[in-house]
Amino acid sequence: MVEVVAALIWKKDRFLACQRPHNKARALLWEFVGGKVEAGENRQQALVRECREELGITVNVGDVFMEVVHDYPDITVHLTLFNCTIAEGQPQKLEHNDIRWITTEEIPNYNFCPADDEILKKLMSM
């Protein structure tokens, strides 16, 4: 099982959604910014690194919003989604195909990664 972390970043009533690049697994699906926890990192450190690498921002990592385990055909992930705030910088498309601030009402208009399904249901019920 691969440990994966992601950030739930809000701007007023919108959260940040990122579209995966066309050359990676689950190409062009939408997701929360984040990635794999590397050796020697805790989950919070990994998330700070991933946000810097993928969006060029520094985040403050808050509490856990939700954890899910999902089996893809090629990988099983344990995903921890943290509430985060932007401490420094503006999100940039450094790795993603697109990034957007969307409302929970707009979630059905986006094709998210299957691992995010339970998280999205929780967001839509809030």
C-alpha atoms as a PDB file:
ATOM      1  CA  MET A   1       0.000   0.000   0.000  1.00  0.00           C
ATOM      2  CA  VAL A   2       1.286   3.439  -0.942  1.00  0.00           C
ATOM      3  CA  GLU A   3       0.891   6.356   1.489  1.00  0.00           C
ATOM      4  CA  VAL A   4      -0.491   9.388  -0.328  1.00  0.00           C
ATOM      5  CA  VAL A   5      -1.305  12.834   1.054  1.00  0.00           C
ATOM      6  CA  ALA A   6      -3.423  15.609  -0.392  1.00  0.00           C
ATOM      7  CA  ALA A   7      -4.479  19.140   0.474  1.00  0.00           C
ATOM      8  CA  LEU A   8      -7.990  20.535   0.799  1.00  0.00           C
ATOM      9  CA  ILE A   9      -7.385  24.244   0.223  1.00  0.00           C
ATOM     10  CA  TRP A  10     -10.305  26.673   0.428  1.00  0.00           C
ATOM     11  CA  LYS A  11     -10.698  30.201  -0.924  1.00  0.00           C
ATOM     12  CA  LYS A  12     -14.012  31.471   0.475  1.00  0.00           C
ATOM     13  CA  ASP A  13     -16.630  28.973  -0.824  1.00  0.00           C
ATOM     14  CA  ARG A  14     -14.321  27.319  -3.392  1.00  0.00           C
ATOM     15  CA  PHE A  15     -11.675  24.618  -3.067  1.00  0.00           C
ATOM     16  CA  LEU A  16      -8.670  23.955  -5.268  1.00  0.00           C
ATOM     17  CA  ALA A  17      -9.002  21.147  -7.818  1.00  0.00           C
ATOM     18  CA  CYS A  18      -6.108  20.065 -10.031  1.00  0.00           C
ATOM     19  CA  GLN A  19      -6.260  18.173 -13.334  1.00  0.00           C
ATOM     20  CA  ARG A  20      -3.661  15.428 -13.681  1.00  0.00           C
ATOM     21  CA  PRO A  21      -1.210  15.710 -16.586  1.00  0.00           C
ATOM     22  CA  HIS A  22      -1.912  13.718 -19.746  1.00  0.00           C
ATOM     23  CA  ASN A  23       1.289  11.661 -19.391  1.00  0.00           C
ATOM     24  CA  LYS A  24       0.578  10.151 -15.936  1.00  0.00           C
ATOM     25  CA  ALA A  25      -1.686   7.381 -14.655  1.00  0.00           C
ATOM     26  CA  ARG A  26      -5.317   8.532 -14.423  1.00  0.00           C
ATOM     27  CA  ALA A  27      -4.518  11.170 -17.014  1.00  0.00           C
ATOM     28  CA  LEU A  28      -6.682  14.309 -17.096  1.00  0.00           C
ATOM     29  CA  LEU A  29      -8.768  13.260 -14.091  1.00  0.00           C
ATOM     30  CA  TRP A  30      -9.216  15.867 -11.361  1.00  0.00           C
ATOM     31  CA  GLU A  31      -7.724  15.515  -7.892  1.00  0.00           C
ATOM     32  CA  PHE A  32      -6.565  17.355  -4.802  1.00  0.00           C
ATOM     33  CA  VAL A  33      -2.946  18.497  -4.922  1.00  0.00           C
ATOM     34  CA  GLY A  34      -0.549  16.076  -3.261  1.00  0.00           C
ATOM     35  CA  GLY A  35       1.404  12.903  -3.801  1.00  0.00           C
ATOM     36  CA  LYS A  36       3.348  10.040  -2.312  1.00  0.00           C
ATOM     37  CA  VAL A  37       5.050  10.195   1.076  1.00  0.00           C
ATOM     38  CA  GLU A  38       8.757   9.555   0.541  1.00  0.00           C
ATOM     39  CA  ALA A  39      11.171   7.744   2.879  1.00  0.00           C
ATOM     40  CA  GLY A  40      12.164   9.893   5.835  1.00  0.00           C
ATOM     41  CA  GLU A  41       9.126  12.191   5.582  1.00  0.00           C
ATOM     42  CA  ASN A  42       6.052  12.383   7.737  1.00  0.00           C
ATOM     43  CA  ARG A  43       2.730  13.041   6.016  1.00  0.00           C
ATOM     44  CA  GLN A  44       2.749  16.767   6.739  1.00  0.00           C
ATOM     45  CA  GLN A  45       6.296  17.220   5.397  1.00  0.00           C
ATOM     46  CA  ALA A  46       5.368  15.303   2.244  1.00  0.00           C
ATOM     47  CA  LEU A  47       2.352  17.533   1.668  1.00  0.00           C
ATOM     48  CA  VAL A  48       4.365  20.737   2.087  1.00  0.00           C
ATOM     49  CA  ARG A  49       6.918  19.394  -0.437  1.00  0.00           C
ATOM     50  CA  GLU A  50       4.275  18.278  -2.940  1.00  0.00           C
ATOM     51  CA  CYS A  51       2.444  21.635  -2.838  1.00  0.00           C
ATOM     52  CA  ARG A  52       5.732  23.453  -3.414  1.00  0.00           C
ATOM     53  CA  GLU A  53       6.707  21.154  -6.316  1.00  0.00           C
ATOM     54  CA  GLU A  54       3.296  21.023  -8.002  1.00  0.00           C
ATOM     55  CA  LEU A  55       1.865  24.506  -7.365  1.00  0.00           C
ATOM     56  CA  GLY A  56       4.762  26.680  -6.190  1.00  0.00           C
ATOM     57  CA  ILE A  57       3.019  27.466  -2.896  1.00  0.00           C
ATOM     58  CA  THR A  58       3.841  27.002   0.767  1.00  0.00           C
ATOM     59  CA  VAL A  59       0.989  25.559   2.816  1.00  0.00           C
ATOM     60  CA  ASN A  60       0.145  25.356   6.480  1.00  0.00           C
ATOM     61  CA  VAL A  61      -1.061  21.816   7.118  1.00  0.00           C
ATOM     62  CA  GLY A  62      -4.017  21.564   9.479  1.00  0.00           C
ATOM     63  CA  ASP A  63      -6.064  18.645  10.726  1.00  0.00           C
ATOM     64  CA  VAL A  64      -7.097  15.551   8.790  1.00  0.00           C
ATOM     65  CA  PHE A  65     -10.302  16.062   6.805  1.00  0.00           C
ATOM     66  CA  MET A  66     -10.646  12.397   5.789  1.00  0.00           C
ATOM     67  CA  GLU A  67      -8.724   9.198   5.100  1.00  0.00           C
ATOM     68  CA  VAL A  68      -9.582   6.610   2.445  1.00  0.00           C
ATOM     69  CA  VAL A  69      -8.081   3.406   1.078  1.00  0.00           C
ATOM     70  CA  HIS A  70      -8.641   2.769  -2.614  1.00  0.00           C
ATOM     71  CA  ASP A  71      -7.637  -0.137  -4.854  1.00  0.00           C
ATOM     72  CA  TYR A  72      -6.730   0.874  -8.398  1.00  0.00           C
ATOM     73  CA  PRO A  73      -5.815  -1.885 -10.885  1.00  0.00           C
ATOM     74  CA  ASP A  74      -2.127  -0.890 -10.634  1.00  0.00           C
ATOM     75  CA  ILE A  75      -1.832   0.388  -7.033  1.00  0.00           C
ATOM     76  CA  THR A  76      -3.524   0.510  -3.635  1.00  0.00           C
ATOM     77  CA  VAL A  77      -3.399   3.915  -1.964  1.00  0.00           C
ATOM     78  CA  HIS A  78      -3.993   5.075   1.594  1.00  0.00           C
ATOM     79  CA  LEU A  79      -4.979   8.694   1.004  1.00  0.00           C
ATOM     80  CA  THR A  80      -4.982  11.245   3.815  1.00  0.00           C
ATOM     81  CA  LEU A  81      -6.604  14.569   2.943  1.00  0.00           C
ATOM     82  CA  PHE A  82      -5.562  17.452   5.190  1.00  0.00           C
ATOM     83  CA  ASN A  83      -7.212  20.836   5.620  1.00  0.00           C
ATOM     84  CA  CYS A  84      -4.596  23.356   4.458  1.00  0.00           C
ATOM     85  CA  THR A  85      -4.179  27.073   3.991  1.00  0.00           C
ATOM     86  CA  ILE A  86      -1.825  28.892   1.659  1.00  0.00           C
ATOM     87  CA  ALA A  87       0.917  30.572   3.683  1.00  0.00           C
ATOM     88  CA  GLU A  88       2.830  31.936   0.711  1.00  0.00           C
ATOM     89  CA  GLY A  89       2.467  32.172  -3.068  1.00  0.00           C
ATOM     90  CA  GLN A  90      -0.264  31.805  -5.667  1.00  0.00           C
ATOM     91  CA  PRO A  91      -1.054  28.385  -7.175  1.00  0.00           C
ATOM     92  CA  GLN A  92       0.628  27.842 -10.538  1.00  0.00           C
ATOM     93  CA  LYS A  93       0.308  25.011 -13.072  1.00  0.00           C
ATOM     94  CA  LEU A  94       3.820  23.588 -12.601  1.00  0.00           C
ATOM     95  CA  GLU A  95       2.806  19.945 -13.102  1.00  0.00           C
ATOM     96  CA  HIS A  96      -0.951  19.831 -13.638  1.00  0.00           C
ATOM     97  CA  ASN A  97      -2.802  20.244 -16.919  1.00  0.00           C
ATOM     98  CA  ASP A  98      -5.195  22.714 -15.246  1.00  0.00           C
ATOM     99  CA  ILE A  99      -6.083  24.082 -11.808  1.00  0.00           C
ATOM    100  CA  ARG A 100      -9.413  25.598 -10.780  1.00  0.00           C
ATOM    101  CA  TRP A 101     -11.204  26.918  -7.719  1.00  0.00           C
ATOM    102  CA  ILE A 102     -14.580  25.137  -7.693  1.00  0.00           C
ATOM    103  CA  THR A 103     -17.626  25.068  -5.434  1.00  0.00           C
ATOM    104  CA  THR A 104     -19.009  21.871  -3.953  1.00  0.00           C
ATOM    105  CA  GLU A 105     -22.044  22.337  -6.238  1.00  0.00           C
ATOM    106  CA  GLU A 106     -19.723  22.122  -9.258  1.00  0.00           C
ATOM    107  CA  ILE A 107     -18.178  18.763  -8.230  1.00  0.00           C
ATOM    108  CA  PRO A 108     -20.445  16.722 -10.577  1.00  0.00           C
ATOM    109  CA  ASN A 109     -19.094  18.720 -13.537  1.00  0.00           C
ATOM    110  CA  TYR A 110     -15.574  17.333 -12.968  1.00  0.00           C
ATOM    111  CA  ASN A 111     -14.288  13.811 -13.477  1.00  0.00           C
ATOM    112  CA  PHE A 112     -12.255  13.165 -10.300  1.00  0.00           C
ATOM    113  CA  CYS A 113      -9.993  10.218  -9.516  1.00  0.00           C
ATOM    114  CA  PRO A 114     -12.006   7.311  -8.063  1.00  0.00           C
ATOM    115  CA  ALA A 115     -10.052   7.452  -4.773  1.00  0.00           C
ATOM    116  CA  ASP A 116     -11.657  10.864  -4.154  1.00  0.00           C
ATOM    117  CA  ASP A 117     -15.290   9.656  -4.428  1.00  0.00           C
ATOM    118  CA  GLU A 118     -15.981   9.322  -0.686  1.00  0.00           C
ATOM    119  CA  ILE A 119     -14.277  12.660   0.012  1.00  0.00           C
ATOM    120  CA  LEU A 120     -16.383  14.395  -2.633  1.00  0.00           C
ATOM    121  CA  LYS A 121     -19.580  12.900  -1.179  1.00  0.00           C
ATOM    122  CA  LYS A 122     -18.619  14.288   2.225  1.00  0.00           C
ATOM    123  CA  LEU A 123     -17.889  17.729   0.730  1.00  0.00           C
ATOM    124  CA  MET A 124     -21.223  17.785  -1.103  1.00  0.00           C
ATOM    125  CA  SER A 125     -23.103  16.891   2.093  1.00  0.00           C
ATOM    126  CA  MET A 126     -21.609  19.757   4.099  1.00  0.00           C
END
